[in-house]
Protein backbone atom coordinates (compact mmCIF):
# COMPACT_ATOMS: atom_id res chain seq x y z
CA UNK A 1 0.02 0.10 -0.05
CA UNK A 2 1.29 3.36 -0.90
CA UNK A 3 1.37 6.50 1.35
CA UNK A 4 -1.51 8.11 -0.83
CA UNK A 5 -3.43 5.16 -1.85
CA UNK A 6 -6.62 6.40 -0.17
CA UNK A 7 -6.54 9.60 -2.34
CA UNK A 8 -7.44 7.36 -5.27
CA UNK A 9 -11.03 7.32 -3.75
CA UNK A 10 -12.68 10.41 -5.31
CA UNK A 11 -14.98 11.31 -2.44
CA UNK A 12 -11.90 10.97 0.21
CA UNK A 13 -9.94 13.27 -2.33
CA UNK A 14 -12.50 15.90 -2.26
CA UNK A 15 -12.89 15.58 1.60
CA UNK A 16 -9.03 15.80 2.01
CA UNK A 17 -8.84 18.96 0.06
CA UNK A 18 -11.86 20.60 1.86
CA UNK A 19 -10.44 19.58 5.34
CA UNK A 20 -7.22 21.09 4.38
CA UNK A 21 -8.50 24.50 3.54
CA UNK A 22 -10.52 24.41 6.89
CA UNK A 23 -7.91 23.33 8.95
CA UNK A 24 -5.59 26.20 7.93
CA UNK A 25 -8.08 28.35 9.08
CA UNK A 26 -8.53 26.64 12.48
CA UNK A 27 -4.76 26.95 13.01
CA UNK A 28 -5.02 30.59 12.19
CA UNK A 29 -7.63 30.79 14.96
CA UNK A 30 -5.38 28.89 17.44
CA UNK A 31 -2.88 31.96 17.00
CA UNK A 32 -5.63 34.62 17.06
CA UNK A 33 -7.31 33.26 20.14
CA UNK A 34 -3.98 33.16 22.12
CA UNK A 35 -3.38 36.72 20.95
CA UNK A 36 -6.79 37.70 21.72
CA UNK A 37 -6.65 36.67 25.30
CA UNK A 38 -3.10 37.22 26.07
CA UNK A 39 -2.51 40.67 24.21
CA UNK A 40 -5.82 42.27 23.40
CA UNK A 41 -7.58 41.44 26.78
CA UNK A 42 -4.32 41.33 28.45
CA UNK A 43 -5.05 38.03 30.56
CA UNK A 44 -2.66 35.35 31.47
CA UNK A 45 -2.18 31.82 31.16
CA UNK A 46 -5.05 30.68 33.51
CA UNK A 47 -7.61 32.61 31.49
CA UNK A 48 -6.27 31.29 28.29
CA UNK A 49 -6.71 27.80 29.97
CA UNK A 50 -10.28 28.70 30.72
CA UNK A 51 -11.15 29.88 27.18
CA UNK A 52 -9.54 26.85 25.69
CA UNK A 53 -11.51 24.84 28.17
CA UNK A 54 -14.78 26.26 27.02
CA UNK A 55 -13.95 24.96 23.42
CA UNK A 56 -14.36 21.40 24.86
CA UNK A 57 -16.74 21.39 27.94
CA UNK A 58 -19.95 20.92 25.82
CA UNK A 59 -18.06 17.67 24.32
CA UNK A 60 -18.45 16.01 27.81
CA UNK A 61 -22.26 16.66 28.01
CA UNK A 62 -23.18 16.27 24.43
CA UNK A 63 -20.49 13.74 23.23
CA UNK A 64 -22.81 10.79 23.83
CA UNK A 65 -25.61 12.42 21.86
CA UNK A 66 -23.33 13.13 18.97
CA UNK A 67 -22.23 9.56 18.97
CA UNK A 68 -25.73 8.32 18.98
CA UNK A 69 -26.69 10.72 16.11
CA UNK A 70 -23.71 9.45 14.06
CA UNK A 71 -25.04 5.77 14.31
CA UNK A 72 -28.56 6.79 13.52
CA UNK A 73 -28.50 9.32 10.86
CA UNK A 74 -26.51 10.34 7.62
CA UNK A 75 -22.90 11.18 8.68
CA UNK A 76 -22.76 13.20 5.54
CA UNK A 77 -25.49 15.36 6.43
CA UNK A 78 -24.33 15.84 10.12
CA UNK A 79 -20.76 17.00 8.82
CA UNK A 80 -22.31 19.20 6.33
CA UNK A 81 -24.61 20.90 9.14
CA UNK A 82 -21.79 21.30 11.50
CA UNK A 83 -19.31 22.88 8.89
CA UNK A 84 -21.80 25.51 8.23
CA UNK A 85 -22.56 26.13 11.82
CA UNK A 86 -18.85 26.58 12.61
CA UNK A 87 -18.65 29.22 9.88
CA UNK A 88 -21.44 31.22 11.37
CA UNK A 89 -20.11 31.03 14.99
CA UNK A 90 -16.43 31.92 14.12
CA UNK A 91 -17.58 34.49 11.70
CA UNK A 92 -19.52 36.24 14.47
CA UNK A 93 -16.58 36.20 16.94
CA UNK A 94 -14.54 37.96 14.29
CA UNK A 95 -17.17 40.64 13.81
CA UNK A 96 -17.27 41.17 17.51
CA UNK A 97 -13.35 41.68 17.66
CA UNK A 98 -13.16 43.93 14.38
CA UNK A 99 -16.11 46.17 15.89
CA UNK A 100 -14.38 46.27 19.27
CA UNK A 101 -17.27 44.83 21.08
CA UNK A 102 -15.60 41.61 22.18
CA UNK A 103 -15.53 40.77 25.84
CA UNK A 104 -14.14 37.91 27.84
CA UNK A 105 -17.62 36.60 28.44
CA UNK A 106 -18.48 36.71 24.57
CA UNK A 107 -15.38 34.85 23.72
CA UNK A 108 -16.27 32.10 26.23
CA UNK A 109 -19.77 31.89 25.04
CA UNK A 110 -18.82 31.54 21.44
CA UNK A 111 -16.01 29.03 22.46
CA UNK A 112 -18.62 26.96 24.10
CA UNK A 113 -20.95 27.20 21.03
CA UNK A 114 -18.02 25.72 18.95
CA UNK A 115 -17.57 23.01 21.49
CA UNK A 116 -21.23 22.09 21.20
CA UNK A 117 -20.97 21.84 17.40
CA UNK A 118 -17.74 19.84 17.77
CA UNK A 119 -19.54 17.15 20.02
CA UNK A 120 -21.56 16.10 16.90
CA UNK A 121 -18.87 17.04 14.17
CA UNK A 122 -16.07 14.92 15.37
CA UNK A 123 -17.53 11.37 15.66
CA UNK A 124 -19.47 11.87 12.40
CA UNK A 125 -16.40 13.27 10.51
CA UNK A 126 -14.15 10.52 11.73
CA UNK A 127 -16.62 7.83 10.79
CA UNK A 128 -17.62 9.35 7.54
CA UNK A 129 -14.06 8.60 6.50
CA UNK A 130 -14.69 4.89 7.06
CA UNK A 131 -17.78 5.09 4.55
CA UNK A 132 -15.54 6.77 1.95
CA UNK A 133 -12.52 4.31 1.86
CA UNK A 134 -13.75 1.09 3.85
CA UNK A 135 -11.68 -0.63 6.46
CA UNK A 136 -8.88 -1.73 4.41
CA UNK A 137 -7.98 1.82 3.55
CA UNK A 138 -8.93 3.28 6.81
CA UNK A 139 -5.43 3.53 8.61
CA UNK A 140 -3.99 5.06 5.41
CA UNK A 141 -6.86 7.62 5.03
CA UNK A 142 -6.51 8.64 8.72
CA UNK A 143 -2.71 9.16 8.35
CA UNK A 144 -3.59 11.32 5.14
CA UNK A 145 -5.80 13.42 7.20
CA UNK A 146 -3.36 13.92 9.94
CA UNK A 147 -0.82 14.84 7.25
CA UNK A 148 -3.26 17.64 5.84
CA UNK A 149 -3.90 18.75 9.35
CA UNK A 150 -0.13 18.97 10.14
CA UNK A 151 0.63 20.59 6.77
CA UNK A 152 -2.01 23.20 7.78
CA UNK A 153 -0.31 23.56 11.12
CA UNK A 154 2.67 24.85 9.21
CA UNK A 155 0.79 27.01 6.93
CA UNK A 156 -1.92 28.33 9.32
CA UNK A 157 0.26 29.85 12.14
CA UNK A 158 2.76 31.18 9.58
CA UNK A 159 0.08 32.92 7.66
CA UNK A 160 -1.55 34.23 11.03
CA UNK A 161 1.89 35.70 12.29
CA UNK A 162 2.15 37.56 8.88
CA UNK A 163 -1.27 38.87 8.90
CA UNK A 164 -1.03 40.04 12.39
CA UNK A 165 1.57 42.41 11.11
CA UNK A 166 -0.83 44.02 8.53
CA UNK A 167 -4.21 43.46 9.90
CA UNK A 168 -6.27 42.86 13.01
CA UNK A 169 -6.92 39.80 15.38
CA UNK A 170 -10.57 39.90 14.16
CA UNK A 171 -9.52 39.37 10.49
CA UNK A 172 -8.06 36.14 11.30
CA UNK A 173 -11.35 34.80 12.86
CA UNK A 174 -13.33 35.95 9.78
CA UNK A 175 -11.00 34.14 7.43
CA UNK A 176 -11.44 31.07 9.61
CA UNK A 177 -15.05 31.23 9.21
CA UNK A 178 -14.65 31.45 5.45
CA UNK A 179 -12.33 28.66 5.40
CA UNK A 180 -15.14 26.09 6.49
CA UNK A 181 -16.68 26.75 3.05
CA UNK A 182 -13.98 24.77 1.76
CA UNK A 183 -15.25 21.71 3.41
CA UNK A 184 -18.82 22.59 2.66
CA UNK A 185 -18.03 22.75 -1.05
CA UNK A 186 -16.09 19.47 -1.04
CA UNK A 187 -19.09 17.66 0.81
CA UNK A 188 -21.55 19.02 -1.74
CA UNK A 189 -19.43 17.85 -4.68
CA UNK A 190 -19.27 14.17 -3.40
CA UNK A 191 -20.99 11.15 -5.15
CA UNK A 192 -22.99 10.03 -2.17
CA UNK A 193 -23.98 6.83 -4.09
CA UNK A 194 -20.23 5.64 -3.70
CA UNK A 195 -20.21 5.91 0.10
CA UNK A 196 -20.44 2.74 1.96
CA UNK A 197 -22.86 3.92 4.94
CA UNK A 198 -23.53 1.40 7.70
CA UNK A 199 -26.88 0.25 8.47
CA UNK A 200 -29.10 3.02 10.26
CA UNK A 201 -30.16 1.92 13.51
CA UNK A 202 -33.78 2.27 14.78
CA UNK A 203 -34.59 4.39 17.73
CA UNK A 204 -34.30 2.26 20.85
CA UNK A 205 -34.37 3.01 24.64
CA UNK A 206 -30.84 2.78 26.36
CA UNK A 207 -28.67 3.15 23.14
CA UNK A 208 -26.25 5.47 24.75
CA UNK A 209 -25.77 3.10 27.70
CA UNK A 210 -25.48 0.20 25.45
CA UNK A 211 -22.56 2.08 23.52
CA UNK A 212 -20.79 2.71 27.02
CA UNK A 213 -21.49 -1.04 27.89
CA UNK A 214 -19.85 -2.27 24.73
CA UNK A 215 -16.88 -0.11 24.97
CA UNK A 216 -16.36 -1.24 28.60
CA UNK A 217 -16.56 -4.93 27.68
CA UNK A 218 -14.00 -4.61 24.89
CA UNK A 219 -10.66 -4.83 26.67
CA UNK A 220 -8.55 -3.09 23.90
CA UNK A 221 -11.33 -0.37 23.47
CA UNK A 222 -11.65 0.12 27.41
CA UNK A 223 -7.96 0.39 27.94
CA UNK A 224 -7.15 2.75 24.88
CA UNK A 225 -10.01 5.03 25.98
CA UNK A 226 -8.78 5.24 29.57
CA UNK A 227 -5.25 6.01 28.26
CA UNK A 228 -6.55 8.72 26.02
CA UNK A 229 -8.22 10.24 28.96
CA UNK A 230 -4.93 10.83 30.61
CA UNK A 231 -3.03 11.87 27.38
CA UNK A 232 -5.94 14.21 26.38
CA UNK A 233 -6.33 15.81 29.63
CA UNK A 234 -2.64 16.45 30.65
CA UNK A 235 -0.45 16.06 27.36
CA UNK A 236 -2.69 17.65 24.42
CA UNK A 237 -2.92 21.13 25.68
CA UNK A 238 -0.45 22.80 23.15
CA UNK A 239 -2.64 25.71 22.55
CA UNK A 240 -2.28 26.71 26.06
CA UNK A 241 1.47 25.88 26.90
CA UNK A 242 3.20 26.78 23.59
CA UNK A 243 1.89 30.53 23.59
CA UNK A 244 2.54 30.87 27.41
CA UNK A 245 6.08 29.54 26.86
CA UNK A 246 6.52 32.00 24.00
CA UNK A 247 5.53 34.95 25.83
CA UNK A 248 6.43 34.40 29.48
CA UNK A 249 9.61 32.22 29.07
CA UNK A 250 11.16 33.64 25.98
CA UNK A 251 9.36 36.96 25.70
CA UNK A 252 8.28 36.62 22.15
CA UNK A 253 5.69 38.88 20.49
CA UNK A 254 2.25 37.49 19.36
CA UNK A 255 3.25 37.61 15.89
CA UNK A 256 5.75 34.77 16.66
CA UNK A 257 3.34 32.43 18.67
CA UNK A 258 2.47 30.68 15.48
CA UNK A 259 6.19 29.55 14.85
CA UNK A 260 6.18 27.16 17.44
CA UNK A 261 3.07 25.33 16.01
CA UNK A 262 4.51 25.61 12.56
CA UNK A 263 7.78 24.00 13.58
CA UNK A 264 5.64 21.03 15.43
CA UNK A 265 3.83 20.78 12.07
CA UNK A 266 6.95 20.36 10.08
CA UNK A 267 8.01 17.48 12.02
CA UNK A 268 4.58 15.87 11.75
CA UNK A 269 4.73 16.32 7.82
CA UNK A 270 8.24 14.74 7.65
CA UNK A 271 7.15 11.80 9.84
CA UNK A 272 3.97 11.08 7.63
CA UNK A 273 6.08 11.16 4.58
CA UNK A 274 8.67 8.70 5.76
CA UNK A 275 6.80 6.40 8.02
CA UNK A 276 5.77 2.91 6.98
CA UNK A 277 2.05 2.74 6.07
CA UNK A 278 0.17 0.11 8.20
CA UNK A 279 -3.19 -1.35 6.95
CA UNK A 280 -4.13 -1.64 10.79
CA UNK A 281 -2.19 -0.80 13.98
CA UNK A 282 -1.44 -3.29 17.04
CA UNK A 283 -1.73 -2.22 20.57
CA UNK A 284 2.11 -2.72 21.09
CA UNK A 285 2.62 -0.04 18.47
CA UNK A 286 0.10 2.22 20.19
CA UNK A 287 1.76 1.89 23.67
CA UNK A 288 4.97 2.56 22.12
CA UNK A 289 3.65 5.66 20.54
CA UNK A 290 2.24 7.06 23.64
CA UNK A 291 5.38 6.73 25.37
CA UNK A 292 7.35 8.34 22.69
CA UNK A 293 4.71 11.37 22.81
CA UNK A 294 5.62 11.57 26.69
CA UNK A 295 9.15 11.46 26.03
CA UNK A 296 9.35 14.09 23.40
CA UNK A 297 7.12 16.35 25.70
CA UNK A 298 9.44 15.62 28.63
CA UNK A 299 12.45 16.50 26.60
CA UNK A 300 10.88 19.85 25.39
CA UNK A 301 10.12 20.67 28.91
CA UNK A 302 13.99 20.66 29.70
CA UNK A 303 14.95 22.88 26.80
CA UNK A 304 17.30 25.71 28.13
CA UNK A 305 16.92 27.86 25.15
CA UNK A 306 14.66 29.13 22.33
CA UNK A 307 16.95 27.20 19.67
CA UNK A 308 16.63 23.87 21.58
CA UNK A 309 12.86 24.31 21.59
CA UNK A 310 12.74 24.86 17.75
CA UNK A 311 15.14 21.70 17.39
CA UNK A 312 12.72 19.46 19.68
CA UNK A 313 9.28 20.61 18.52
CA UNK A 314 9.44 18.65 15.18
CA UNK A 315 9.88 15.43 17.31
CA UNK A 316 6.94 16.47 19.44
CA UNK A 317 4.86 17.04 16.03
CA UNK A 318 5.94 13.63 14.75
CA UNK A 319 5.09 11.91 18.03
CA UNK A 320 1.78 13.68 18.24
CA UNK A 321 0.74 12.49 14.69
CA UNK A 322 1.84 8.91 15.25
CA UNK A 323 -0.24 8.81 18.43
CA UNK A 324 -3.33 10.17 17.08
CA UNK A 325 -3.22 8.04 13.78
CA UNK A 326 -2.73 4.74 16.09
CA UNK A 327 -5.34 5.72 18.54
CA UNK A 328 -8.17 6.69 15.84
CA UNK A 329 -7.50 3.63 13.76
CA UNK A 330 -7.39 1.17 16.78
CA UNK A 331 -10.81 2.35 18.11
CA UNK A 332 -12.41 2.33 14.81
CA UNK A 333 -11.15 -1.03 13.41
CA UNK A 334 -11.84 -2.71 16.65
CA UNK A 335 -15.47 -1.51 16.76
CA UNK A 336 -18.42 -3.36 15.07
CA UNK A 337 -20.08 -1.10 12.52
CA UNK A 338 -23.29 -0.58 14.68
CA UNK A 339 -21.35 0.79 17.54
CA UNK A 340 -18.51 2.76 15.71
CA UNK A 341 -20.19 6.14 16.08
CA UNK A 342 -20.66 5.72 19.89
CA UNK A 343 -17.35 4.39 20.34
CA UNK A 344 -15.86 7.50 18.40
CA UNK A 345 -17.91 9.71 20.35
CA UNK A 346 -16.10 8.40 23.51
CA UNK A 347 -12.90 8.93 21.72
CA UNK A 348 -13.82 12.66 21.25
CA UNK A 349 -14.80 12.83 24.86
CA UNK A 350 -11.58 11.40 25.92
CA UNK A 351 -9.42 13.40 23.64
CA UNK A 352 -11.28 16.84 23.92
CA UNK A 353 -13.80 16.41 26.61
CA UNK A 354 -10.81 16.09 29.30
CA UNK A 355 -9.32 19.33 28.10
CA UNK A 356 -11.56 21.66 30.16
CA UNK A 357 -10.08 20.06 33.32
CA UNK A 358 -6.63 19.68 31.87
CA UNK A 359 -6.29 23.10 30.32
CA UNK A 360 -7.19 24.83 33.54
CA UNK A 361 -4.64 22.65 35.34
CA UNK A 362 -1.89 23.14 32.81
CA UNK A 363 -2.65 26.77 32.44
CA UNK A 364 -2.51 27.29 36.18
CA UNK A 365 0.70 25.14 36.39
CA UNK A 366 2.22 27.27 33.47
CA UNK A 367 1.38 30.68 35.15
CA UNK A 368 1.94 29.68 38.81
CA UNK A 369 5.38 27.94 37.95
CA UNK A 370 6.30 27.67 34.33
CA UNK A 371 5.41 26.48 30.98
CA UNK A 372 8.28 23.95 31.17
CA UNK A 373 6.70 22.64 34.41
CA UNK A 374 3.20 22.16 32.61
CA UNK A 375 4.92 20.38 29.78
CA UNK A 376 6.84 18.07 32.21
CA UNK A 377 3.73 17.09 33.81
CA UNK A 378 2.03 16.22 30.53
CA UNK A 379 5.03 14.28 29.37
CA UNK A 380 5.32 12.13 32.48
CA UNK A 381 1.57 11.54 32.55
CA UNK A 382 1.89 10.00 28.88
CA UNK A 383 4.88 7.73 29.85
CA UNK A 384 3.06 6.31 32.95
CA UNK A 385 -0.32 6.01 30.84
CA UNK A 386 1.59 3.85 28.35
CA UNK A 387 3.23 1.69 31.31
CA UNK A 388 -0.20 1.30 32.76
CA UNK A 389 -1.81 0.32 29.40
CA UNK A 390 0.93 -2.16 28.49
CA UNK A 391 -0.30 -5.00 30.75
CA UNK A 392 -3.99 -4.11 30.26
CA UNK A 393 -4.56 -4.52 26.67
CA UNK A 394 -6.20 -7.74 25.28
CA UNK A 395 -3.13 -10.05 24.86
CA UNK A 396 -4.31 -11.10 21.47
CA UNK A 397 -4.14 -7.63 20.27
CA UNK A 398 -0.36 -6.83 21.26
CA UNK A 399 1.04 -8.10 18.02
CA UNK A 400 -2.11 -8.81 15.98
CA UNK A 401 -3.90 -6.16 13.96
CA UNK A 402 -7.61 -6.27 13.86
CA UNK A 403 -9.56 -8.04 11.11
CA UNK A 404 -10.69 -5.33 8.87
CA UNK A 405 -14.36 -4.31 9.30
CA UNK A 406 -16.46 -2.68 6.79
């Protein structure tokens, strides 16, 4: 299997391009949000952590409903609706900033609105990829999606930094809102008769509880999700720790915040291009990938100078990409089709829903002690999670990839 095999599928090719445009806008917003809170509103790491938490808090409450909707209704329609909704909410935030009517409360409310939309978008978008390419190409397609996201991580923050020299923070939010139209156009151009939709489930009582029981009863899925709770809560808070590291530790301007994200993206792109493409992951590779993420984050926390940070960030980007591809593919391929949406909603809750607590804690640690201390906590947490999971995965899944499920 070649590294770009999934792009032979027309629908996935359209999806890939549309998401690429949209994610460039999302990374521009990441820089804009940090600049808005730290510079325009003149707040610190704790408040930035609070705003970041508001982006993900609704996922905890609405995540199970998003997973159930994904299993019961058209994934294509859900994703189309969420992309349009994102454009409206982000565009409104941009208008408030441009007209100088933005307040911390309005930022948190609109961030929470994005989180509510994401609770439905994430499981539907993840499983829609499966409907486009099937089980055999899923890991390849997930890897390509991550490649697009990390390429956008290089482009988006770099463009944001340049635009901040010549325009306002609000313009970046407006441009992000417009970028969602790329995904909308791509979805509209798909040949829906070429999708491989799973059977739509009739409405029954207790469907959300059934999804939780299923995940709890599968050792590999249960262990992976519990490990993801730790990693998502303590390690995946880059939008909080990197801007604080740039401003408070190295006294960099807001225009330079994005360079840290871009450098991470370069490492992820390089890894995606040179790494071996797997048809399906093993839990051994997932455990090693989690430990590698923790090790790279811990090493970064020990960086004495800005130059060392720039040298280590590509390794963090590569480890981050590898972890997400392995985790996403493991959960999708080891789930039966009827439960896949609900399992991926638990994935969303574990990765994004833990961020509210994690972002507040990491932001407080970064402000009270240092950004390096916050990174060290996340790195050690990932290493410990990998060690804990190593002996708790289903023994048959350590060296054996799952049977491909359609």
